[in-house]
PDB file of N, CA and C in Angstrom:
ATOM      1  N   UNK A   1       0.740  -1.119  -0.115  1.00  0.00           N
ATOM      2  CA  UNK A   1       0.323   0.014   0.005  1.00  0.00           C
ATOM      3  C   UNK A   1       1.087   1.355   0.002  1.00  0.00           C
ATOM      4  N   UNK A   2       0.494   2.197  -0.795  1.00  0.00           N
ATOM      5  CA  UNK A   2       1.338   3.407  -0.771  1.00  0.00           C
ATOM      6  C   UNK A   2       0.408   4.633  -0.480  1.00  0.00           C
ATOM      7  N   UNK A   3       0.623   5.283   0.617  1.00  0.00           N
ATOM      8  CA  UNK A   3      -0.274   6.286   1.127  1.00  0.00           C
ATOM      9  C   UNK A   3       0.443   7.384   0.552  1.00  0.00           C
ATOM     10  N   UNK A   4      -0.323   8.419  -0.073  1.00  0.00           N
ATOM     11  CA  UNK A   4       0.039   9.642  -0.159  1.00  0.00           C
ATOM     12  C   UNK A   4      -1.063  10.864  -0.007  1.00  0.00           C
ATOM     13  N   UNK A   5      -0.574  12.203   0.086  1.00  0.00           N
ATOM     14  CA  UNK A   5      -1.445  13.600   0.234  1.00  0.00           C
ATOM     15  C   UNK A   5      -1.218  14.023  -0.961  1.00  0.00           C
ATOM     16  N   UNK A   6      -2.265  14.695  -1.441  1.00  0.00           N
ATOM     17  CA  UNK A   6      -2.066  15.417  -2.667  1.00  0.00           C
ATOM     18  C   UNK A   6      -3.062  16.275  -2.616  1.00  0.00           C
ATOM     19  N   UNK A   7      -2.945  17.404  -3.023  1.00  0.00           N
ATOM     20  CA  UNK A   7      -4.055  18.464  -3.297  1.00  0.00           C
ATOM     21  C   UNK A   7      -5.051  18.268  -4.838  1.00  0.00           C
ATOM     22  N   UNK A   8      -6.146  18.139  -4.596  1.00  0.00           N
ATOM     23  CA  UNK A   8      -6.859  18.113  -5.687  1.00  0.00           C
ATOM     24  C   UNK A   8      -7.200  19.429  -6.281  1.00  0.00           C
ATOM     25  N   UNK A   9      -7.037  19.598  -7.703  1.00  0.00           N
ATOM     26  CA  UNK A   9      -7.110  20.936  -8.401  1.00  0.00           C
ATOM     27  C   UNK A   9      -8.292  20.756  -8.901  1.00  0.00           C
ATOM     28  N   UNK A  10      -9.089  21.699  -8.820  1.00  0.00           N
ATOM     29  CA  UNK A  10     -10.492  21.947  -9.601  1.00  0.00           C
ATOM     30  C   UNK A  10     -10.764  23.068 -10.253  1.00  0.00           C
ATOM     31  N   UNK A  11     -11.439  22.916 -11.471  1.00  0.00           N
ATOM     32  CA  UNK A  11     -11.531  24.302 -12.330  1.00  0.00           C
ATOM     33  C   UNK A  11     -12.984  24.080 -13.274  1.00  0.00           C
ATOM     34  N   UNK A  12     -13.303  24.821 -13.980  1.00  0.00           N
ATOM     35  CA  UNK A  12     -14.590  24.612 -14.821  1.00  0.00           C
ATOM     36  C   UNK A  12     -14.081  25.117 -15.959  1.00  0.00           C
ATOM     37  N   UNK A  13     -14.260  24.482 -17.491  1.00  0.00           N
ATOM     38  CA  UNK A  13     -13.823  24.600 -18.579  1.00  0.00           C
ATOM     39  C   UNK A  13     -14.757  25.687 -19.066  1.00  0.00           C
ATOM     40  N   UNK A  14     -14.034  26.487 -20.170  1.00  0.00           N
ATOM     41  CA  UNK A  14     -14.887  27.387 -20.944  1.00  0.00           C
ATOM     42  C   UNK A  14     -16.478  26.532 -21.253  1.00  0.00           C
ATOM     43  N   UNK A  15     -16.730  25.167 -21.606  1.00  0.00           N
ATOM     44  CA  UNK A  15     -17.744  24.541 -21.507  1.00  0.00           C
ATOM     45  C   UNK A  15     -18.807  24.212 -20.726  1.00  0.00           C
ATOM     46  N   UNK A  16     -18.156  24.886 -19.327  1.00  0.00           N
ATOM     47  CA  UNK A  16     -18.826  24.832 -17.971  1.00  0.00           C
ATOM     48  C   UNK A  16     -18.901  23.202 -17.451  1.00  0.00           C
ATOM     49  N   UNK A  17     -17.983  22.692 -17.992  1.00  0.00           N
ATOM     50  CA  UNK A  17     -17.821  21.094 -17.294  1.00  0.00           C
ATOM     51  C   UNK A  17     -16.662  21.148 -16.174  1.00  0.00           C
ATOM     52  N   UNK A  18     -16.584  20.570 -15.271  1.00  0.00           N
ATOM     53  CA  UNK A  18     -15.868  20.146 -13.890  1.00  0.00           C
ATOM     54  C   UNK A  18     -14.557  19.577 -14.599  1.00  0.00           C
ATOM     55  N   UNK A  19     -13.421  20.329 -14.056  1.00  0.00           N
ATOM     56  CA  UNK A  19     -12.137  19.544 -14.534  1.00  0.00           C
ATOM     57  C   UNK A  19     -11.292  19.475 -13.229  1.00  0.00           C
ATOM     58  N   UNK A  20     -11.153  18.108 -12.768  1.00  0.00           N
ATOM     59  CA  UNK A  20     -10.239  17.984 -11.694  1.00  0.00           C
ATOM     60  C   UNK A  20      -8.729  17.268 -11.734  1.00  0.00           C
ATOM     61  N   UNK A  21      -7.867  17.740 -11.405  1.00  0.00           N
ATOM     62  CA  UNK A  21      -6.208  17.295 -11.654  1.00  0.00           C
ATOM     63  C   UNK A  21      -5.667  16.793 -10.295  1.00  0.00           C
ATOM     64  N   UNK A  22      -5.270  15.660 -10.317  1.00  0.00           N
ATOM     65  CA  UNK A  22      -4.714  15.091  -8.917  1.00  0.00           C
ATOM     66  C   UNK A  22      -3.335  14.696  -9.413  1.00  0.00           C
ATOM     67  N   UNK A  23      -2.130  14.951  -9.021  1.00  0.00           N
ATOM     68  CA  UNK A  23      -0.899  14.340  -8.964  1.00  0.00           C
ATOM     69  C   UNK A  23      -0.744  13.178  -8.052  1.00  0.00           C
ATOM     70  N   UNK A  24      -0.291  11.949  -8.945  1.00  0.00           N
ATOM     71  CA  UNK A  24      -0.031  10.869  -8.035  1.00  0.00           C
ATOM     72  C   UNK A  24       1.511  10.541  -8.248  1.00  0.00           C
ATOM     73  N   UNK A  25       1.735   9.637  -7.243  1.00  0.00           N
ATOM     74  CA  UNK A  25       3.291   9.355  -7.240  1.00  0.00           C
ATOM     75  C   UNK A  25       3.590   8.344  -8.356  1.00  0.00           C
ATOM     76  N   UNK A  26       4.880   8.403  -8.519  1.00  0.00           N
ATOM     77  CA  UNK A  26       5.176   7.444  -9.973  1.00  0.00           C
ATOM     78  C   UNK A  26       4.868   5.989  -9.556  1.00  0.00           C
ATOM     79  N   UNK A  27       4.963   5.513  -8.425  1.00  0.00           N
ATOM     80  CA  UNK A  27       4.709   4.007  -8.123  1.00  0.00           C
ATOM     81  C   UNK A  27       3.175   3.762  -8.592  1.00  0.00           C
ATOM     82  N   UNK A  28       2.631   4.895  -7.956  1.00  0.00           N
ATOM     83  CA  UNK A  28       0.766   4.521  -8.375  1.00  0.00           C
ATOM     84  C   UNK A  28       0.503   4.422  -9.749  1.00  0.00           C
ATOM     85  N   UNK A  29       1.002   5.373 -10.430  1.00  0.00           N
ATOM     86  CA  UNK A  29       0.892   5.455 -11.771  1.00  0.00           C
ATOM     87  C   UNK A  29       1.188   4.404 -12.815  1.00  0.00           C
ATOM     88  N   UNK A  30       2.476   3.751 -12.266  1.00  0.00           N
ATOM     89  CA  UNK A  30       2.979   2.676 -12.835  1.00  0.00           C
ATOM     90  C   UNK A  30       1.951   1.379 -12.865  1.00  0.00           C
ATOM     91  N   UNK A  31       1.679   1.460 -11.350  1.00  0.00           N
ATOM     92  CA  UNK A  31       0.678   0.050 -11.098  1.00  0.00           C
ATOM     93  C   UNK A  31      -0.660   0.204 -12.072  1.00  0.00           C
ATOM     94  N   UNK A  32      -0.923   1.365 -12.267  1.00  0.00           N
ATOM     95  CA  UNK A  32      -2.287   1.744 -13.068  1.00  0.00           C
ATOM     96  C   UNK A  32      -2.012   1.623 -14.531  1.00  0.00           C
ATOM     97  N   UNK A  33      -0.735   1.099 -14.701  1.00  0.00           N
ATOM     98  CA  UNK A  33      -0.431   1.286 -16.032  1.00  0.00           C
ATOM     99  C   UNK A  33      -0.041   2.539 -16.960  1.00  0.00           C
ATOM    100  N   UNK A  34       0.167   3.683 -16.476  1.00  0.00           N
ATOM    101  CA  UNK A  34       0.009   4.921 -16.619  1.00  0.00           C
ATOM    102  C   UNK A  34       1.545   5.639 -16.692  1.00  0.00           C
ATOM    103  N   UNK A  35       2.340   4.903 -17.595  1.00  0.00           N
ATOM    104  CA  UNK A  35       3.617   5.118 -17.750  1.00  0.00           C
ATOM    105  C   UNK A  35       3.866   6.453 -18.304  1.00  0.00           C
ATOM    106  N   UNK A  36       3.279   7.063 -19.176  1.00  0.00           N
ATOM    107  CA  UNK A  36       3.325   8.481 -19.648  1.00  0.00           C
ATOM    108  C   UNK A  36       2.344   9.467 -19.462  1.00  0.00           C
ATOM    109  N   UNK A  37       1.783   9.045 -17.936  1.00  0.00           N
ATOM    110  CA  UNK A  37       0.648  10.137 -17.502  1.00  0.00           C
ATOM    111  C   UNK A  37      -0.576   9.272 -18.266  1.00  0.00           C
ATOM    112  N   UNK A  38      -1.785  10.178 -17.766  1.00  0.00           N
ATOM    113  CA  UNK A  38      -3.025   9.888 -18.474  1.00  0.00           C
ATOM    114  C   UNK A  38      -4.208  10.300 -17.437  1.00  0.00           C
ATOM    115  N   UNK A  39      -5.359   9.873 -17.928  1.00  0.00           N
ATOM    116  CA  UNK A  39      -6.689  10.063 -17.045  1.00  0.00           C
ATOM    117  C   UNK A  39      -6.718   9.278 -16.316  1.00  0.00           C
ATOM    118  N   UNK A  40      -7.769   9.180 -15.092  1.00  0.00           N
ATOM    119  CA  UNK A  40      -7.895   8.162 -13.972  1.00  0.00           C
ATOM    120  C   UNK A  40      -9.139   8.208 -13.997  1.00  0.00           C
ATOM    121  N   UNK A  41     -10.029   7.384 -13.221  1.00  0.00           N
ATOM    122  CA  UNK A  41     -11.406   7.615 -12.844  1.00  0.00           C
ATOM    123  C   UNK A  41     -10.914   7.544 -11.041  1.00  0.00           C
ATOM    124  N   UNK A  42     -11.729   8.612 -10.634  1.00  0.00           N
ATOM    125  CA  UNK A  42     -11.848   8.375  -9.156  1.00  0.00           C
ATOM    126  C   UNK A  42     -12.885   8.029  -8.639  1.00  0.00           C
ATOM    127  N   UNK A  43     -12.613   6.749  -7.942  1.00  0.00           N
ATOM    128  CA  UNK A  43     -14.358   6.332  -7.373  1.00  0.00           C
ATOM    129  C   UNK A  43     -14.453   6.415  -5.967  1.00  0.00           C
ATOM    130  N   UNK A  44     -15.463   7.110  -5.490  1.00  0.00           N
ATOM    131  CA  UNK A  44     -15.620   7.194  -3.873  1.00  0.00           C
ATOM    132  C   UNK A  44     -16.827   6.859  -3.465  1.00  0.00           C
ATOM    133  N   UNK A  45     -16.697   5.716  -2.587  1.00  0.00           N
ATOM    134  CA  UNK A  45     -17.987   5.021  -2.241  1.00  0.00           C
ATOM    135  C   UNK A  45     -17.856   4.977  -0.664  1.00  0.00           C
ATOM    136  N   UNK A  46     -18.874   5.161  -0.198  1.00  0.00           N
ATOM    137  CA  UNK A  46     -19.277   4.784   1.423  1.00  0.00           C
ATOM    138  C   UNK A  46     -18.955   3.393   1.638  1.00  0.00           C
ATOM    139  N   UNK A  47     -18.246   3.106   2.967  1.00  0.00           N
ATOM    140  CA  UNK A  47     -17.838   1.879   2.893  1.00  0.00           C
ATOM    141  C   UNK A  47     -18.858   1.544   4.396  1.00  0.00           C
ATOM    142  N   UNK A  48     -18.717   2.395   5.401  1.00  0.00           N
ATOM    143  CA  UNK A  48     -19.603   2.388   6.596  1.00  0.00           C
ATOM    144  C   UNK A  48     -19.720   3.720   7.032  1.00  0.00           C
ATOM    145  N   UNK A  49     -20.489   3.807   7.821  1.00  0.00           N
ATOM    146  CA  UNK A  49     -20.876   5.350   8.700  1.00  0.00           C
ATOM    147  C   UNK A  49     -19.689   6.067   8.804  1.00  0.00           C
ATOM    148  N   UNK A  50     -19.523   7.251   8.148  1.00  0.00           N
ATOM    149  CA  UNK A  50     -18.395   8.091   8.091  1.00  0.00           C
ATOM    150  C   UNK A  50     -16.962   7.724   7.672  1.00  0.00           C
ATOM    151  N   UNK A  51     -16.974   6.468   6.832  1.00  0.00           N
ATOM    152  CA  UNK A  51     -15.804   5.948   6.351  1.00  0.00           C
ATOM    153  C   UNK A  51     -16.312   5.749   4.498  1.00  0.00           C
ATOM    154  N   UNK A  52     -15.129   6.224   3.696  1.00  0.00           N
ATOM    155  CA  UNK A  52     -15.108   6.003   2.716  1.00  0.00           C
ATOM    156  C   UNK A  52     -14.069   5.524   1.903  1.00  0.00           C
ATOM    157  N   UNK A  53     -14.128   4.801   0.591  1.00  0.00           N
ATOM    158  CA  UNK A  53     -13.354   3.950   0.204  1.00  0.00           C
ATOM    159  C   UNK A  53     -13.176   4.937  -1.162  1.00  0.00           C
ATOM    160  N   UNK A  54     -11.715   4.987  -1.693  1.00  0.00           N
ATOM    161  CA  UNK A  54     -11.065   5.755  -2.730  1.00  0.00           C
ATOM    162  C   UNK A  54     -10.782   4.889  -3.646  1.00  0.00           C
ATOM    163  N   UNK A  55     -11.023   4.835  -4.842  1.00  0.00           N
ATOM    164  CA  UNK A  55     -10.296   3.736  -5.897  1.00  0.00           C
ATOM    165  C   UNK A  55      -9.982   4.504  -7.191  1.00  0.00           C
ATOM    166  N   UNK A  56      -8.902   4.310  -7.582  1.00  0.00           N
ATOM    167  CA  UNK A  56      -8.106   5.040  -8.628  1.00  0.00           C
ATOM    168  C   UNK A  56      -7.884   3.604  -9.744  1.00  0.00           C
ATOM    169  N   UNK A  57      -8.311   4.280 -11.045  1.00  0.00           N
ATOM    170  CA  UNK A  57      -8.016   3.166 -11.983  1.00  0.00           C
ATOM    171  C   UNK A  57      -7.963   4.027 -13.294  1.00  0.00           C
ATOM    172  N   UNK A  58      -7.356   3.591 -14.215  1.00  0.00           N
ATOM    173  CA  UNK A  58      -7.071   3.804 -15.395  1.00  0.00           C
ATOM    174  C   UNK A  58      -8.196   4.296 -16.141  1.00  0.00           C
ATOM    175  N   UNK A  59      -8.963   5.343 -16.626  1.00  0.00           N
ATOM    176  CA  UNK A  59     -10.115   5.671 -17.180  1.00  0.00           C
ATOM    177  C   UNK A  59     -10.030   5.272 -18.620  1.00  0.00           C
ATOM    178  N   UNK A  60     -11.165   4.900 -18.884  1.00  0.00           N
ATOM    179  CA  UNK A  60     -11.376   4.240 -20.470  1.00  0.00           C
ATOM    180  C   UNK A  60     -11.087   5.584 -21.337  1.00  0.00           C
ATOM    181  N   UNK A  61     -10.909   5.007 -22.546  1.00  0.00           N
ATOM    182  CA  UNK A  61     -10.780   6.127 -23.462  1.00  0.00           C
ATOM    183  C   UNK A  61     -12.046   7.019 -24.174  1.00  0.00           C
ATOM    184  N   UNK A  62     -13.113   6.380 -23.617  1.00  0.00           N
ATOM    185  CA  UNK A  62     -14.760   6.748 -23.656  1.00  0.00           C
ATOM    186  C   UNK A  62     -14.431   8.146 -23.061  1.00  0.00           C
ATOM    187  N   UNK A  63     -15.185   9.312 -23.511  1.00  0.00           N
ATOM    188  CA  UNK A  63     -15.775  10.332 -22.825  1.00  0.00           C
ATOM    189  C   UNK A  63     -17.020  10.351 -22.315  1.00  0.00           C
ATOM    190  N   UNK A  64     -17.378  10.743 -20.990  1.00  0.00           N
ATOM    191  CA  UNK A  64     -18.899  10.639 -20.802  1.00  0.00           C
ATOM    192  C   UNK A  64     -19.611  12.013 -21.289  1.00  0.00           C
TER     193      UNK A  64
END
């Protein structure tokens, strides 16, 4: 397990969409198969009262 703390950057694009950026350590990027950078899905799910699980996974190439 790699524990890291980073600042999540947020901005709104000219089209009005939310854009988030998170710097992740090289070890995490490599484990996700993102050797040259790329997009990740950030999934936040409640586990139990007051606790959340955060999952990072390489994003699919499809845009929502």
